Amino acid sequence: FCRGCLACQKLGKCVIQDDVDAIMQKV
């Protein structure tokens, strides 16, 4: 689940280490 921390808006990726970032890169 999303934590709502909004760190992704600065980092360009989510801080949670799971499968989402790999999927997002393909999207």
PDB file of all heavy atoms in Angstrom:
ATOM      1  N   PHE A   1       0.815  -1.208   0.000  1.00  0.00           N
ATOM      2  CA  PHE A   1       0.000   0.000   0.000  1.00  0.00           C
ATOM      3  C   PHE A   1       0.856   1.270   0.000  1.00  0.00           C
ATOM      4  O   PHE A   1       1.939   1.309   0.599  1.00  0.00           O
ATOM      5  CB  PHE A   1      -0.913   0.037   1.232  1.00  0.00           C
ATOM      6  CG  PHE A   1      -2.006  -0.991   1.201  1.00  0.00           C
ATOM      7  CD1 PHE A   1      -2.011  -2.033   2.106  1.00  0.00           C
ATOM      8  CD2 PHE A   1      -3.032  -0.922   0.275  1.00  0.00           C
ATOM      9  CE1 PHE A   1      -3.016  -2.978   2.093  1.00  0.00           C
ATOM     10  CE2 PHE A   1      -4.032  -1.855   0.245  1.00  0.00           C
ATOM     11  CZ  PHE A   1      -4.040  -2.899   1.150  1.00  0.00           C
ATOM     12  N   CYS A   2       0.349   2.309  -0.648  1.00  0.00           N
ATOM     13  CA  CYS A   2       0.978   3.622  -0.620  1.00  0.00           C
ATOM     14  C   CYS A   2       0.886   4.192   0.800  1.00  0.00           C
ATOM     15  O   CYS A   2      -0.149   4.106   1.446  1.00  0.00           O
ATOM     16  CB  CYS A   2       0.284   4.551  -1.610  1.00  0.00           C
ATOM     17  SG  CYS A   2       0.895   6.252  -1.583  1.00  0.00           S
ATOM     18  N   ARG A   3       1.978   4.803   1.262  1.00  0.00           N
ATOM     19  CA  ARG A   3       2.007   5.397   2.603  1.00  0.00           C
ATOM     20  C   ARG A   3       1.643   6.880   2.592  1.00  0.00           C
ATOM     21  O   ARG A   3       1.511   7.504   3.641  1.00  0.00           O
ATOM     22  CB  ARG A   3       3.410   5.238   3.211  1.00  0.00           C
ATOM     23  CG  ARG A   3       3.866   3.792   3.363  1.00  0.00           C
ATOM     24  CD  ARG A   3       5.341   3.753   3.778  1.00  0.00           C
ATOM     25  NE  ARG A   3       5.837   2.386   3.814  1.00  0.00           N
ATOM     26  CZ  ARG A   3       7.127   2.071   3.936  1.00  0.00           C
ATOM     27  NH1 ARG A   3       8.033   3.047   4.035  1.00  0.00           N
ATOM     28  NH2 ARG A   3       7.512   0.808   3.967  1.00  0.00           N
ATOM     29  N   GLY A   4       1.564   7.459   1.409  1.00  0.00           N
ATOM     30  CA  GLY A   4       1.235   8.879   1.322  1.00  0.00           C
ATOM     31  C   GLY A   4       2.354   9.798   1.756  1.00  0.00           C
ATOM     32  O   GLY A   4       2.130  10.963   2.089  1.00  0.00           O
ATOM     33  N   CYS A   5       3.597   9.334   1.754  1.00  0.00           N
ATOM     34  CA  CYS A   5       4.728  10.150   2.221  1.00  0.00           C
ATOM     35  C   CYS A   5       5.169  11.183   1.183  1.00  0.00           C
ATOM     36  O   CYS A   5       5.843  12.154   1.515  1.00  0.00           O
ATOM     37  CB  CYS A   5       5.892   9.259   2.618  1.00  0.00           C
ATOM     38  SG  CYS A   5       6.667   8.386   1.227  1.00  0.00           S
ATOM     39  N   LEU A   6       4.829  10.945  -0.095  1.00  0.00           N
ATOM     40  CA  LEU A   6       5.148  11.828  -1.213  1.00  0.00           C
ATOM     41  C   LEU A   6       6.653  11.965  -1.486  1.00  0.00           C
ATOM     42  O   LEU A   6       7.080  12.870  -2.196  1.00  0.00           O
ATOM     43  CB  LEU A   6       4.525  13.213  -1.018  1.00  0.00           C
ATOM     44  CG  LEU A   6       2.994  13.254  -0.951  1.00  0.00           C
ATOM     45  CD1 LEU A   6       2.510  14.684  -0.772  1.00  0.00           C
ATOM     46  CD2 LEU A   6       2.375  12.628  -2.199  1.00  0.00           C
ATOM     47  N   ALA A   7       7.444  11.070  -0.935  1.00  0.00           N
ATOM     48  CA  ALA A   7       8.880  11.084  -1.242  1.00  0.00           C
ATOM     49  C   ALA A   7       9.126  10.848  -2.721  1.00  0.00           C
ATOM     50  O   ALA A   7      10.112  11.334  -3.290  1.00  0.00           O
ATOM     51  CB  ALA A   7       9.596  10.029  -0.412  1.00  0.00           C
ATOM     52  N   CYS A   8       8.227  10.126  -3.358  1.00  0.00           N
ATOM     53  CA  CYS A   8       8.368   9.816  -4.787  1.00  0.00           C
ATOM     54  C   CYS A   8       8.382  11.073  -5.647  1.00  0.00           C
ATOM     55  O   CYS A   8       8.964  11.081  -6.737  1.00  0.00           O
ATOM     56  CB  CYS A   8       7.251   8.885  -5.236  1.00  0.00           C
ATOM     57  SG  CYS A   8       5.584   9.563  -5.040  1.00  0.00           S
ATOM     58  N   GLN A   9       7.753  12.145  -5.177  1.00  0.00           N
ATOM     59  CA  GLN A   9       7.708  13.377  -5.950  1.00  0.00           C
ATOM     60  C   GLN A   9       9.086  14.042  -6.036  1.00  0.00           C
ATOM     61  O   GLN A   9       9.355  14.802  -6.960  1.00  0.00           O
ATOM     62  CB  GLN A   9       6.703  14.346  -5.323  1.00  0.00           C
ATOM     63  CG  GLN A   9       5.276  13.812  -5.258  1.00  0.00           C
ATOM     64  CD  GLN A   9       4.686  13.575  -6.635  1.00  0.00           C
ATOM     65  OE1 GLN A   9       4.353  14.518  -7.347  1.00  0.00           O
ATOM     66  NE2 GLN A   9       4.553  12.315  -7.021  1.00  0.00           N
ATOM     67  N   LYS A  10       9.951  13.746  -5.068  1.00  0.00           N
ATOM     68  CA  LYS A  10      11.307  14.278  -5.088  1.00  0.00           C
ATOM     69  C   LYS A  10      12.305  13.284  -5.681  1.00  0.00           C
ATOM     70  O   LYS A  10      13.242  13.665  -6.367  1.00  0.00           O
ATOM     71  CB  LYS A  10      11.741  14.642  -3.666  1.00  0.00           C
ATOM     72  CG  LYS A  10      10.926  15.760  -3.034  1.00  0.00           C
ATOM     73  CD  LYS A  10      11.409  16.048  -1.621  1.00  0.00           C
ATOM     74  CE  LYS A  10      10.601  17.166  -0.969  1.00  0.00           C
ATOM     75  NZ  LYS A  10      11.049  17.435   0.426  1.00  0.00           N
ATOM     76  N   LEU A  11      12.073  11.999  -5.416  1.00  0.00           N
ATOM     77  CA  LEU A  11      13.036  10.974  -5.812  1.00  0.00           C
ATOM     78  C   LEU A  11      12.780  10.399  -7.209  1.00  0.00           C
ATOM     79  O   LEU A  11      13.672   9.816  -7.816  1.00  0.00           O
ATOM     80  CB  LEU A  11      13.026   9.826  -4.794  1.00  0.00           C
ATOM     81  CG  LEU A  11      13.367  10.205  -3.348  1.00  0.00           C
ATOM     82  CD1 LEU A  11      13.177   8.995  -2.433  1.00  0.00           C
ATOM     83  CD2 LEU A  11      14.790  10.729  -3.256  1.00  0.00           C
ATOM     84  N   GLY A  12      11.537  10.532  -7.694  1.00  0.00           N
ATOM     85  CA  GLY A  12      11.185   9.940  -8.983  1.00  0.00           C
ATOM     86  C   GLY A  12      10.937   8.452  -8.904  1.00  0.00           C
ATOM     87  O   GLY A  12      10.788   7.776  -9.917  1.00  0.00           O
ATOM     88  N   LYS A  13      10.876   7.927  -7.695  1.00  0.00           N
ATOM     89  CA  LYS A  13      10.556   6.523  -7.473  1.00  0.00           C
ATOM     90  C   LYS A  13      10.059   6.366  -6.042  1.00  0.00           C
ATOM     91  O   LYS A  13      10.249   7.245  -5.197  1.00  0.00           O
ATOM     92  CB  LYS A  13      11.772   5.622  -7.704  1.00  0.00           C
ATOM     93  CG  LYS A  13      12.924   5.870  -6.756  1.00  0.00           C
ATOM     94  CD  LYS A  13      14.066   4.897  -7.032  1.00  0.00           C
ATOM     95  CE  LYS A  13      15.200   5.111  -6.047  1.00  0.00           C
ATOM     96  NZ  LYS A  13      16.311   4.140  -6.276  1.00  0.00           N
ATOM     97  N   CYS A  14       9.429   5.232  -5.780  1.00  0.00           N
ATOM     98  CA  CYS A  14       8.890   4.978  -4.447  1.00  0.00           C
ATOM     99  C   CYS A  14       9.987   4.454  -3.521  1.00  0.00           C
ATOM    100  O   CYS A  14      10.892   3.731  -3.951  1.00  0.00           O
ATOM    101  CB  CYS A  14       7.746   3.970  -4.532  1.00  0.00           C
ATOM    102  SG  CYS A  14       6.887   3.705  -2.962  1.00  0.00           S
ATOM    103  N   VAL A  15       9.890   4.828  -2.249  1.00  0.00           N
ATOM    104  CA  VAL A  15      10.891   4.373  -1.277  1.00  0.00           C
ATOM    105  C   VAL A  15      10.628   2.946  -0.810  1.00  0.00           C
ATOM    106  O   VAL A  15      11.504   2.312  -0.221  1.00  0.00           O
ATOM    107  CB  VAL A  15      10.928   5.314  -0.047  1.00  0.00           C
ATOM    108  CG1 VAL A  15      11.371   6.706  -0.459  1.00  0.00           C
ATOM    109  CG2 VAL A  15       9.567   5.369   0.648  1.00  0.00           C
ATOM    110  N   ILE A  16       9.436   2.423  -1.073  1.00  0.00           N
ATOM    111  CA  ILE A  16       9.110   1.053  -0.662  1.00  0.00           C
ATOM    112  C   ILE A  16       9.802   0.081  -1.612  1.00  0.00           C
ATOM    113  O   ILE A  16       9.683   0.185  -2.835  1.00  0.00           O
ATOM    114  CB  ILE A  16       7.584   0.822  -0.667  1.00  0.00           C
ATOM    115  CG1 ILE A  16       6.895   1.803   0.285  1.00  0.00           C
ATOM    116  CG2 ILE A  16       7.253  -0.611  -0.277  1.00  0.00           C
ATOM    117  CD1 ILE A  16       5.369   1.752   0.214  1.00  0.00           C
ATOM    118  N   GLN A  17      10.508  -0.869  -1.054  1.00  0.00           N
ATOM    119  CA  GLN A  17      11.269  -1.831  -1.853  1.00  0.00           C
ATOM    120  C   GLN A  17      10.405  -3.055  -2.169  1.00  0.00           C
ATOM    121  O   GLN A  17      10.354  -4.013  -1.402  1.00  0.00           O
ATOM    122  CB  GLN A  17      12.535  -2.251  -1.109  1.00  0.00           C
ATOM    123  CG  GLN A  17      13.475  -1.100  -0.785  1.00  0.00           C
ATOM    124  CD  GLN A  17      14.019  -0.424  -2.032  1.00  0.00           C
ATOM    125  OE1 GLN A  17      14.507  -1.089  -2.944  1.00  0.00           O
ATOM    126  NE2 GLN A  17      13.926   0.897  -2.078  1.00  0.00           N
ATOM    127  N   ASP A  18       9.702  -3.000  -3.288  1.00  0.00           N
ATOM    128  CA  ASP A  18       8.920  -4.150  -3.749  1.00  0.00           C
ATOM    129  C   ASP A  18       8.955  -4.166  -5.271  1.00  0.00           C
ATOM    130  O   ASP A  18       9.907  -3.654  -5.865  1.00  0.00           O
ATOM    131  CB  ASP A  18       7.496  -4.117  -3.177  1.00  0.00           C
ATOM    132  CG  ASP A  18       6.728  -2.846  -3.550  1.00  0.00           C
ATOM    133  OD1 ASP A  18       7.247  -2.053  -4.365  1.00  0.00           O
ATOM    134  OD2 ASP A  18       5.621  -2.641  -3.028  1.00  0.00           O
ATOM    135  N   ASP A  19       7.932  -4.738  -5.909  1.00  0.00           N
ATOM    136  CA  ASP A  19       7.973  -4.897  -7.366  1.00  0.00           C
ATOM    137  C   ASP A  19       7.448  -3.693  -8.145  1.00  0.00           C
ATOM    138  O   ASP A  19       7.476  -3.701  -9.377  1.00  0.00           O
ATOM    139  CB  ASP A  19       7.149  -6.134  -7.767  1.00  0.00           C
ATOM    140  CG  ASP A  19       7.796  -7.431  -7.301  1.00  0.00           C
ATOM    141  OD1 ASP A  19       9.042  -7.509  -7.320  1.00  0.00           O
ATOM    142  OD2 ASP A  19       7.060  -8.362  -6.907  1.00  0.00           O
ATOM    143  N   VAL A  20       6.982  -2.679  -7.452  1.00  0.00           N
ATOM    144  CA  VAL A  20       6.296  -1.580  -8.141  1.00  0.00           C
ATOM    145  C   VAL A  20       7.224  -0.758  -9.030  1.00  0.00           C
ATOM    146  O   VAL A  20       6.858  -0.401 -10.152  1.00  0.00           O
ATOM    147  CB  VAL A  20       5.568  -0.668  -7.133  1.00  0.00           C
ATOM    148  CG1 VAL A  20       5.066   0.608  -7.810  1.00  0.00           C
ATOM    149  CG2 VAL A  20       4.399  -1.410  -6.506  1.00  0.00           C
ATOM    150  N   ASP A  21       8.421  -0.442  -8.561  1.00  0.00           N
ATOM    151  CA  ASP A  21       9.300   0.426  -9.348  1.00  0.00           C
ATOM    152  C   ASP A  21       9.649  -0.192 -10.698  1.00  0.00           C
ATOM    153  O   ASP A  21       9.688   0.504 -11.721  1.00  0.00           O
ATOM    154  CB  ASP A  21      10.580   0.756  -8.581  1.00  0.00           C
ATOM    155  CG  ASP A  21      11.402   1.819  -9.291  1.00  0.00           C
ATOM    156  OD1 ASP A  21      10.892   2.935  -9.476  1.00  0.00           O
ATOM    157  OD2 ASP A  21      12.548   1.526  -9.694  1.00  0.00           O
ATOM    158  N   ALA A  22       9.872  -1.503 -10.721  1.00  0.00           N
ATOM    159  CA  ALA A  22      10.184  -2.181 -11.994  1.00  0.00           C
ATOM    160  C   ALA A  22       9.001  -2.098 -12.957  1.00  0.00           C
ATOM    161  O   ALA A  22       9.178  -1.896 -14.162  1.00  0.00           O
ATOM    162  CB  ALA A  22      10.553  -3.639 -11.733  1.00  0.00           C
ATOM    163  N   ILE A  23       7.788  -2.246 -12.416  1.00  0.00           N
ATOM    164  CA  ILE A  23       6.588  -2.127 -13.250  1.00  0.00           C
ATOM    165  C   ILE A  23       6.446  -0.699 -13.752  1.00  0.00           C
ATOM    166  O   ILE A  23       6.161  -0.452 -14.934  1.00  0.00           O
ATOM    167  CB  ILE A  23       5.332  -2.549 -12.458  1.00  0.00           C
ATOM    168  CG1 ILE A  23       5.406  -4.027 -12.079  1.00  0.00           C
ATOM    169  CG2 ILE A  23       4.062  -2.254 -13.262  1.00  0.00           C
ATOM    170  CD1 ILE A  23       4.301  -4.485 -11.143  1.00  0.00           C
ATOM    171  N   MET A  24       6.666   0.271 -12.869  1.00  0.00           N
ATOM    172  CA  MET A  24       6.507   1.672 -13.231  1.00  0.00           C
ATOM    173  C   MET A  24       7.469   2.089 -14.337  1.00  0.00           C
ATOM    174  O   MET A  24       7.121   2.876 -15.226  1.00  0.00           O
ATOM    175  CB  MET A  24       6.706   2.553 -12.006  1.00  0.00           C
ATOM    176  CG  MET A  24       6.293   4.009 -12.243  1.00  0.00           C
ATOM    177  SD  MET A  24       6.791   5.112 -10.911  1.00  0.00           S
ATOM    178  CE  MET A  24       8.561   5.229 -11.229  1.00  0.00           C
ATOM    179  N   GLN A  25       8.685   1.574 -14.299  1.00  0.00           N
ATOM    180  CA  GLN A  25       9.660   1.911 -15.341  1.00  0.00           C
ATOM    181  C   GLN A  25       9.190   1.451 -16.716  1.00  0.00           C
ATOM    182  O   GLN A  25       9.406   2.139 -17.726  1.00  0.00           O
ATOM    183  CB  GLN A  25      11.020   1.298 -15.004  1.00  0.00           C
ATOM    184  CG  GLN A  25      11.711   1.935 -13.813  1.00  0.00           C
ATOM    185  CD  GLN A  25      11.930   3.426 -13.983  1.00  0.00           C
ATOM    186  OE1 GLN A  25      12.340   3.884 -15.054  1.00  0.00           O
ATOM    187  NE2 GLN A  25      11.679   4.195 -12.934  1.00  0.00           N
ATOM    188  N   LYS A  26       8.538   0.312 -16.764  1.00  0.00           N
ATOM    189  CA  LYS A  26       8.009  -0.189 -18.039  1.00  0.00           C
ATOM    190  C   LYS A  26       6.822   0.650 -18.506  1.00  0.00           C
ATOM    191  O   LYS A  26       6.680   0.937 -19.699  1.00  0.00           O
ATOM    192  CB  LYS A  26       7.624  -1.657 -17.903  1.00  0.00           C
ATOM    193  CG  LYS A  26       8.833  -2.562 -17.688  1.00  0.00           C
ATOM    194  CD  LYS A  26       8.448  -4.018 -17.535  1.00  0.00           C
ATOM    195  CE  LYS A  26       9.690  -4.881 -17.353  1.00  0.00           C
ATOM    196  NZ  LYS A  26       9.386  -6.311 -17.230  1.00  0.00           N
ATOM    197  N   VAL A  27       5.976   1.041 -17.570  1.00  0.00           N
ATOM    198  CA  VAL A  27       4.845   1.919 -17.900  1.00  0.00           C
ATOM    199  C   VAL A  27       5.350   3.272 -18.401  1.00  0.00           C
ATOM    200  O   VAL A  27       4.840   3.831 -19.378  1.00  0.00           O
ATOM    201  CB  VAL A  27       3.929   2.104 -16.670  1.00  0.00           C
ATOM    202  CG1 VAL A  27       2.882   3.197 -16.924  1.00  0.00           C
ATOM    203  CG2 VAL A  27       3.249   0.789 -16.313  1.00  0.00           C
TER     204      VAL A  27
END
